[in-house]
């Protein structure tokens, strides 16, 4: 559409990218090889180069994620004390946050993580035994994320109602955002959805104007490129 519009009008046509950070981490990284800032930069470059966006003006990229868990807690079953701020996951998350804040046109929206007690690791609880013997390593922290989904929904509403952008590009696989997607379209904005090949509910497809095909590939992985 952008290529058929006069040049002065194309300057007025803008889009914002809203990225569910937890979702992108799961799609572009693994527990053993977490997503890095370079992964994010390559993904952003691919997204901005998509034919549906290449001729439009980027307003801003919003990154939504929870700040690493701080503090310490005593593990059950005499498992000792764990300092969450010193874990490799927390340190890599801090590094990623610092890098994201330095990227042009990127605004970081932080939620928070809270410890909701402890739980038995998946596969450690036998299905047909009355008595179960557990060790400290069989227990893991039950960490929950707060505030991220709310911030995404509020920003979708604000961007569309204030007419800051014409198009919302939402990167997620979470169907909880369907009401916000419907709101954006009712307010006159277009809603582009990026699921990176993740299977989503049909309701999300129904309330998106366009599904951008950006499935994870080797060229989105810096390590694959170096091989």
C-alpha atoms as a PDB file:
ATOM      1  CA  UNK A   1       0.000   0.000   0.000  1.00  0.00           C
ATOM      2  CA  UNK A   2       2.790   2.457   0.949  1.00  0.00           C
ATOM      3  CA  UNK A   3       4.384   2.413  -2.520  1.00  0.00           C
ATOM      4  CA  UNK A   4       1.214   3.772  -4.153  1.00  0.00           C
ATOM      5  CA  UNK A   5       0.880   6.780  -1.826  1.00  0.00           C
ATOM      6  CA  UNK A   6       2.393  10.235  -2.409  1.00  0.00           C
ATOM      7  CA  UNK A   7       5.740  10.779  -0.681  1.00  0.00           C
ATOM      8  CA  UNK A   8       4.387  13.397   1.734  1.00  0.00           C
ATOM      9  CA  UNK A   9       1.613  11.017   2.840  1.00  0.00           C
ATOM     10  CA  UNK A  10       3.997   8.141   3.446  1.00  0.00           C
ATOM     11  CA  UNK A  11       5.746  10.314   6.023  1.00  0.00           C
ATOM     12  CA  UNK A  12       2.502  10.354   7.994  1.00  0.00           C
ATOM     13  CA  UNK A  13       1.952   6.595   7.825  1.00  0.00           C
ATOM     14  CA  UNK A  14       3.742   5.052  10.792  1.00  0.00           C
ATOM     15  CA  UNK A  15       3.769   1.827  12.760  1.00  0.00           C
ATOM     16  CA  UNK A  16       4.769   0.692  16.230  1.00  0.00           C
ATOM     17  CA  UNK A  17       6.153  -2.729  17.096  1.00  0.00           C
ATOM     18  CA  UNK A  18       5.079  -4.260  20.419  1.00  0.00           C
ATOM     19  CA  UNK A  19       7.189  -7.284  21.386  1.00  0.00           C
ATOM     20  CA  UNK A  20       6.243  -9.777  24.071  1.00  0.00           C
ATOM     21  CA  UNK A  21       9.804 -10.331  25.314  1.00  0.00           C
ATOM     22  CA  UNK A  22       9.124 -13.624  27.072  1.00  0.00           C
ATOM     23  CA  UNK A  23       7.567 -15.004  23.899  1.00  0.00           C
ATOM     24  CA  UNK A  24      10.494 -13.936  21.715  1.00  0.00           C
ATOM     25  CA  UNK A  25      12.972 -15.468  24.169  1.00  0.00           C
ATOM     26  CA  UNK A  26      11.233 -18.825  23.839  1.00  0.00           C
ATOM     27  CA  UNK A  27      11.171 -18.647  20.041  1.00  0.00           C
ATOM     28  CA  UNK A  28      14.738 -17.434  19.431  1.00  0.00           C
ATOM     29  CA  UNK A  29      16.542 -19.077  22.334  1.00  0.00           C
ATOM     30  CA  UNK A  30      16.717 -22.222  24.447  1.00  0.00           C
ATOM     31  CA  UNK A  31      17.453 -22.851  28.146  1.00  0.00           C
ATOM     32  CA  UNK A  32      21.004 -23.859  27.187  1.00  0.00           C
ATOM     33  CA  UNK A  33      21.517 -21.079  24.638  1.00  0.00           C
ATOM     34  CA  UNK A  34      19.417 -18.073  25.712  1.00  0.00           C
ATOM     35  CA  UNK A  35      18.468 -15.379  23.261  1.00  0.00           C
ATOM     36  CA  UNK A  36      21.041 -12.590  22.996  1.00  0.00           C
ATOM     37  CA  UNK A  37      20.896  -8.953  21.983  1.00  0.00           C
ATOM     38  CA  UNK A  38      22.280  -9.917  18.579  1.00  0.00           C
ATOM     39  CA  UNK A  39      19.296 -12.246  18.062  1.00  0.00           C
ATOM     40  CA  UNK A  40      16.975  -9.321  18.821  1.00  0.00           C
ATOM     41  CA  UNK A  41      18.784  -6.963  16.443  1.00  0.00           C
ATOM     42  CA  UNK A  42      18.612  -9.482  13.604  1.00  0.00           C
ATOM     43  CA  UNK A  43      14.927 -10.063  14.270  1.00  0.00           C
ATOM     44  CA  UNK A  44      14.194  -6.327  14.242  1.00  0.00           C
ATOM     45  CA  UNK A  45      16.080  -5.918  10.956  1.00  0.00           C
ATOM     46  CA  UNK A  46      14.078  -8.734   9.368  1.00  0.00           C
ATOM     47  CA  UNK A  47      10.816  -7.316  10.642  1.00  0.00           C
ATOM     48  CA  UNK A  48      11.480  -3.772   9.423  1.00  0.00           C
ATOM     49  CA  UNK A  49      12.500  -5.138   6.012  1.00  0.00           C
ATOM     50  CA  UNK A  50       9.245  -7.023   5.555  1.00  0.00           C
ATOM     51  CA  UNK A  51       7.451  -5.862   2.365  1.00  0.00           C
ATOM     52  CA  UNK A  52       4.412  -4.793   4.400  1.00  0.00           C
ATOM     53  CA  UNK A  53       6.557  -2.397   6.491  1.00  0.00           C
ATOM     54  CA  UNK A  54       9.642  -1.507   4.446  1.00  0.00           C
ATOM     55  CA  UNK A  55       8.123   1.676   2.953  1.00  0.00           C
ATOM     56  CA  UNK A  56       6.450   2.827   6.181  1.00  0.00           C
ATOM     57  CA  UNK A  57       7.889   4.970   8.979  1.00  0.00           C
ATOM     58  CA  UNK A  58       8.807   3.331  12.280  1.00  0.00           C
ATOM     59  CA  UNK A  59       7.449   5.194  15.273  1.00  0.00           C
ATOM     60  CA  UNK A  60       8.965   3.072  18.030  1.00  0.00           C
ATOM     61  CA  UNK A  61       9.656  -0.487  19.148  1.00  0.00           C
ATOM     62  CA  UNK A  62       8.278  -1.402  22.567  1.00  0.00           C
ATOM     63  CA  UNK A  63       9.847  -4.305  24.452  1.00  0.00           C
ATOM     64  CA  UNK A  64       7.847  -5.855  27.306  1.00  0.00           C
ATOM     65  CA  UNK A  65       9.512  -8.141  29.801  1.00  0.00           C
ATOM     66  CA  UNK A  66       9.888  -8.672  33.522  1.00  0.00           C
ATOM     67  CA  UNK A  67      12.955  -7.475  35.378  1.00  0.00           C
ATOM     68  CA  UNK A  68      15.025 -10.391  36.780  1.00  0.00           C
ATOM     69  CA  UNK A  69      14.021 -11.621  40.210  1.00  0.00           C
ATOM     70  CA  UNK A  70      16.034 -10.033  43.024  1.00  0.00           C
ATOM     71  CA  UNK A  71      16.650 -11.102  46.583  1.00  0.00           C
ATOM     72  CA  UNK A  72      17.260 -14.523  48.076  1.00  0.00           C
ATOM     73  CA  UNK A  73      15.200 -17.368  49.530  1.00  0.00           C
ATOM     74  CA  UNK A  74      15.702 -20.576  51.464  1.00  0.00           C
ATOM     75  CA  UNK A  75      15.217 -23.736  49.420  1.00  0.00           C
ATOM     76  CA  UNK A  76      12.954 -26.440  50.935  1.00  0.00           C
ATOM     77  CA  UNK A  77      14.385 -29.773  52.116  1.00  0.00           C
ATOM     78  CA  UNK A  78      17.576 -28.145  53.407  1.00  0.00           C
ATOM     79  CA  UNK A  79      18.555 -27.134  49.899  1.00  0.00           C
ATOM     80  CA  UNK A  80      20.388 -24.066  51.118  1.00  0.00           C
ATOM     81  CA  UNK A  81      19.811 -20.441  50.214  1.00  0.00           C
ATOM     82  CA  UNK A  82      19.575 -19.212  46.632  1.00  0.00           C
ATOM     83  CA  UNK A  83      20.453 -15.655  45.607  1.00  0.00           C
ATOM     84  CA  UNK A  84      18.331 -15.043  42.528  1.00  0.00           C
ATOM     85  CA  UNK A  85      20.270 -11.943  41.498  1.00  0.00           C
ATOM     86  CA  UNK A  86      23.439 -14.033  41.086  1.00  0.00           C
ATOM     87  CA  UNK A  87      22.003 -16.738  38.843  1.00  0.00           C
ATOM     88  CA  UNK A  88      23.222 -16.952  35.240  1.00  0.00           C
ATOM     89  CA  UNK A  89      19.672 -16.282  34.051  1.00  0.00           C
ATOM     90  CA  UNK A  90      19.431 -13.042  36.031  1.00  0.00           C
ATOM     91  CA  UNK A  91      22.838 -11.864  34.843  1.00  0.00           C
ATOM     92  CA  UNK A  92      22.063 -12.564  31.188  1.00  0.00           C
ATOM     93  CA  UNK A  93      18.695 -10.811  31.574  1.00  0.00           C
ATOM     94  CA  UNK A  94      20.373  -7.725  33.050  1.00  0.00           C
ATOM     95  CA  UNK A  95      22.817  -7.669  30.144  1.00  0.00           C
ATOM     96  CA  UNK A  96      19.982  -7.986  27.637  1.00  0.00           C
ATOM     97  CA  UNK A  97      18.021  -5.150  29.285  1.00  0.00           C
ATOM     98  CA  UNK A  98      21.069  -2.873  29.162  1.00  0.00           C
ATOM     99  CA  UNK A  99      21.602  -3.615  25.484  1.00  0.00           C
ATOM    100  CA  UNK A 100      17.944  -3.104  24.598  1.00  0.00           C
ATOM    101  CA  UNK A 101      17.854   0.284  26.319  1.00  0.00           C
ATOM    102  CA  UNK A 102      20.730   1.422  24.091  1.00  0.00           C
ATOM    103  CA  UNK A 103      19.110   0.391  20.798  1.00  0.00           C
ATOM    104  CA  UNK A 104      17.650   3.191  18.657  1.00  0.00           C
ATOM    105  CA  UNK A 105      13.858   3.555  18.655  1.00  0.00           C
ATOM    106  CA  UNK A 106      13.490   0.902  21.400  1.00  0.00           C
ATOM    107  CA  UNK A 107      11.521   1.596  24.576  1.00  0.00           C
ATOM    108  CA  UNK A 108      11.690  -1.006  27.350  1.00  0.00           C
ATOM    109  CA  UNK A 109       8.554  -1.581  29.427  1.00  0.00           C
ATOM    110  CA  UNK A 110       9.334  -3.520  32.606  1.00  0.00           C
ATOM    111  CA  UNK A 111       7.046  -5.790  34.554  1.00  0.00           C
ATOM    112  CA  UNK A 112       8.208  -7.751  37.580  1.00  0.00           C
ATOM    113  CA  UNK A 113       8.792 -11.306  38.732  1.00  0.00           C
ATOM    114  CA  UNK A 114       7.542 -12.519  42.108  1.00  0.00           C
ATOM    115  CA  UNK A 115       8.299 -15.715  44.002  1.00  0.00           C
ATOM    116  CA  UNK A 116       5.101 -17.668  44.747  1.00  0.00           C
ATOM    117  CA  UNK A 117       6.632 -20.432  46.827  1.00  0.00           C
ATOM    118  CA  UNK A 118       8.112 -23.668  45.503  1.00  0.00           C
ATOM    119  CA  UNK A 119       6.870 -26.531  43.354  1.00  0.00           C
ATOM    120  CA  UNK A 120       7.892 -30.046  42.352  1.00  0.00           C
ATOM    121  CA  UNK A 121       9.739 -30.221  39.058  1.00  0.00           C
ATOM    122  CA  UNK A 122       7.871 -31.781  36.164  1.00  0.00           C
ATOM    123  CA  UNK A 123       8.473 -35.516  36.005  1.00  0.00           C
ATOM    124  CA  UNK A 124       9.593 -35.814  39.634  1.00  0.00           C
ATOM    125  CA  UNK A 125       6.170 -36.791  41.013  1.00  0.00           C
ATOM    126  CA  UNK A 126       5.302 -40.457  40.283  1.00  0.00           C
ATOM    127  CA  UNK A 127       1.772 -41.011  39.032  1.00  0.00           C
ATOM    128  CA  UNK A 128       0.972 -44.222  40.955  1.00  0.00           C
ATOM    129  CA  UNK A 129       2.757 -44.057  44.294  1.00  0.00           C
ATOM    130  CA  UNK A 130       1.283 -43.029  47.599  1.00  0.00           C
ATOM    131  CA  UNK A 131       4.622 -42.250  49.239  1.00  0.00           C
ATOM    132  CA  UNK A 132       7.054 -39.995  47.399  1.00  0.00           C
ATOM    133  CA  UNK A 133      10.644 -39.291  48.403  1.00  0.00           C
ATOM    134  CA  UNK A 134      11.830 -35.904  47.241  1.00  0.00           C
ATOM    135  CA  UNK A 135      15.281 -34.340  47.253  1.00  0.00           C
ATOM    136  CA  UNK A 136      16.238 -30.674  47.222  1.00  0.00           C
ATOM    137  CA  UNK A 137      16.958 -30.855  43.491  1.00  0.00           C
ATOM    138  CA  UNK A 138      13.385 -31.998  42.818  1.00  0.00           C
ATOM    139  CA  UNK A 139      12.009 -28.637  43.953  1.00  0.00           C
ATOM    140  CA  UNK A 140      12.067 -25.457  41.865  1.00  0.00           C
ATOM    141  CA  UNK A 141      10.927 -21.887  42.556  1.00  0.00           C
ATOM    142  CA  UNK A 142       7.436 -20.967  41.384  1.00  0.00           C
ATOM    143  CA  UNK A 143       8.139 -17.597  39.751  1.00  0.00           C
ATOM    144  CA  UNK A 144       5.289 -15.619  38.224  1.00  0.00           C
ATOM    145  CA  UNK A 145       5.331 -12.593  35.960  1.00  0.00           C
ATOM    146  CA  UNK A 146       3.227  -9.528  36.755  1.00  0.00           C
ATOM    147  CA  UNK A 147       2.376  -6.350  34.892  1.00  0.00           C
ATOM    148  CA  UNK A 148       3.633  -7.195  31.398  1.00  0.00           C
ATOM    149  CA  UNK A 149       0.337  -8.100  29.720  1.00  0.00           C
ATOM    150  CA  UNK A 150      -1.348  -5.067  31.265  1.00  0.00           C
ATOM    151  CA  UNK A 151       1.313  -2.734  29.861  1.00  0.00           C
ATOM    152  CA  UNK A 152       0.948  -4.185  26.370  1.00  0.00           C
ATOM    153  CA  UNK A 153      -2.816  -3.717  26.439  1.00  0.00           C
ATOM    154  CA  UNK A 154      -2.546  -0.152  27.745  1.00  0.00           C
ATOM    155  CA  UNK A 155      -0.007   0.830  25.101  1.00  0.00           C
ATOM    156  CA  UNK A 156      -2.131  -0.613  22.297  1.00  0.00           C
ATOM    157  CA  UNK A 157      -5.032   1.490  23.530  1.00  0.00           C
ATOM    158  CA  UNK A 158      -2.926   4.640  23.973  1.00  0.00           C
ATOM    159  CA  UNK A 159      -1.156   4.421  20.610  1.00  0.00           C
ATOM    160  CA  UNK A 160      -4.380   3.958  18.699  1.00  0.00           C
ATOM    161  CA  UNK A 161      -6.594   6.409  20.593  1.00  0.00           C
ATOM    162  CA  UNK A 162      -3.972   9.192  20.406  1.00  0.00           C
ATOM    163  CA  UNK A 163      -3.366   8.423  16.708  1.00  0.00           C
ATOM    164  CA  UNK A 164       0.371   8.090  17.213  1.00  0.00           C
ATOM    165  CA  UNK A 165       0.481   5.269  14.658  1.00  0.00           C
ATOM    166  CA  UNK A 166      -1.606   3.815  11.861  1.00  0.00           C
ATOM    167  CA  UNK A 167      -0.465   0.232  12.379  1.00  0.00           C
ATOM    168  CA  UNK A 168       0.243  -1.928  15.423  1.00  0.00           C
ATOM    169  CA  UNK A 169       2.679  -4.798  14.861  1.00  0.00           C
ATOM    170  CA  UNK A 170       2.179  -7.249  17.717  1.00  0.00           C
ATOM    171  CA  UNK A 171       4.796  -9.972  18.295  1.00  0.00           C
ATOM    172  CA  UNK A 172       3.237 -12.645  20.503  1.00  0.00           C
ATOM    173  CA  UNK A 173       1.426 -15.959  20.567  1.00  0.00           C
ATOM    174  CA  UNK A 174      -0.792 -15.131  23.544  1.00  0.00           C
ATOM    175  CA  UNK A 175      -4.527 -15.065  22.801  1.00  0.00           C
ATOM    176  CA  UNK A 176      -5.107 -12.964  25.944  1.00  0.00           C
ATOM    177  CA  UNK A 177      -4.375  -9.944  23.728  1.00  0.00           C
ATOM    178  CA  UNK A 178      -7.396 -10.528  21.474  1.00  0.00           C
ATOM    179  CA  UNK A 179      -9.522  -7.859  23.263  1.00  0.00           C
ATOM    180  CA  UNK A 180      -6.721  -5.300  22.778  1.00  0.00           C
ATOM    181  CA  UNK A 181      -6.371  -6.330  19.129  1.00  0.00           C
ATOM    182  CA  UNK A 182     -10.097  -5.840  18.585  1.00  0.00           C
ATOM    183  CA  UNK A 183      -9.951  -2.439  20.291  1.00  0.00           C
ATOM    184  CA  UNK A 184      -7.144  -1.240  18.019  1.00  0.00           C
ATOM    185  CA  UNK A 185      -9.063  -2.185  14.902  1.00  0.00           C
ATOM    186  CA  UNK A 186     -12.252  -0.557  16.162  1.00  0.00           C
ATOM    187  CA  UNK A 187     -10.265   2.658  16.678  1.00  0.00           C
ATOM    188  CA  UNK A 188      -9.169   2.576  13.037  1.00  0.00           C
ATOM    189  CA  UNK A 189      -5.654   1.136  13.316  1.00  0.00           C
ATOM    190  CA  UNK A 190      -4.430  -1.867  11.377  1.00  0.00           C
ATOM    191  CA  UNK A 191      -3.213  -4.826  13.409  1.00  0.00           C
ATOM    192  CA  UNK A 192      -0.352  -6.959  12.076  1.00  0.00           C
ATOM    193  CA  UNK A 193       0.445 -10.163  13.985  1.00  0.00           C
ATOM    194  CA  UNK A 194       3.839 -11.883  14.190  1.00  0.00           C
ATOM    195  CA  UNK A 195       3.743 -15.376  15.708  1.00  0.00           C
ATOM    196  CA  UNK A 196       7.073 -16.739  14.391  1.00  0.00           C
ATOM    197  CA  UNK A 197       5.343 -19.936  13.309  1.00  0.00           C
ATOM    198  CA  UNK A 198       3.903 -20.530  16.770  1.00  0.00           C
ATOM    199  CA  UNK A 199       0.459 -22.203  16.618  1.00  0.00           C
ATOM    200  CA  UNK A 200      -2.149 -19.750  17.884  1.00  0.00           C
ATOM    201  CA  UNK A 201      -5.897 -19.777  18.385  1.00  0.00           C
ATOM    202  CA  UNK A 202      -7.960 -19.039  15.310  1.00  0.00           C
ATOM    203  CA  UNK A 203      -9.425 -16.057  17.155  1.00  0.00           C
ATOM    204  CA  UNK A 204      -6.072 -14.275  16.926  1.00  0.00           C
ATOM    205  CA  UNK A 205      -5.918 -14.761  13.158  1.00  0.00           C
ATOM    206  CA  UNK A 206      -9.497 -13.574  12.854  1.00  0.00           C
ATOM    207  CA  UNK A 207      -8.777 -10.268  14.597  1.00  0.00           C
ATOM    208  CA  UNK A 208      -5.500  -9.500  12.792  1.00  0.00           C
ATOM    209  CA  UNK A 209      -5.432  -7.608   9.501  1.00  0.00           C
ATOM    210  CA  UNK A 210      -2.260  -9.356   8.382  1.00  0.00           C
ATOM    211  CA  UNK A 211      -0.160 -12.268   9.617  1.00  0.00           C
ATOM    212  CA  UNK A 212       3.489 -11.476   8.902  1.00  0.00           C
ATOM    213  CA  UNK A 213       5.484 -14.547   7.910  1.00  0.00           C
ATOM    214  CA  UNK A 214       8.671 -14.389   9.971  1.00  0.00           C
ATOM    215  CA  UNK A 215       9.204 -17.970  11.077  1.00  0.00           C
ATOM    216  CA  UNK A 216      12.510 -18.602  12.903  1.00  0.00           C
ATOM    217  CA  UNK A 217      15.201 -19.544  10.397  1.00  0.00           C
ATOM    218  CA  UNK A 218      18.941 -20.038  10.382  1.00  0.00           C
ATOM    219  CA  UNK A 219      19.507 -16.431   9.324  1.00  0.00           C
ATOM    220  CA  UNK A 220      17.846 -15.291  12.570  1.00  0.00           C
ATOM    221  CA  UNK A 221      20.470 -17.168  14.597  1.00  0.00           C
ATOM    222  CA  UNK A 222      23.885 -15.466  14.830  1.00  0.00           C
ATOM    223  CA  UNK A 223      25.592 -18.736  15.759  1.00  0.00           C
ATOM    224  CA  UNK A 224      24.126 -20.434  12.677  1.00  0.00           C
ATOM    225  CA  UNK A 225      25.432 -17.594  10.507  1.00  0.00           C
ATOM    226  CA  UNK A 226      28.905 -17.970  11.937  1.00  0.00           C
ATOM    227  CA  UNK A 227      28.982 -21.722  11.267  1.00  0.00           C
END
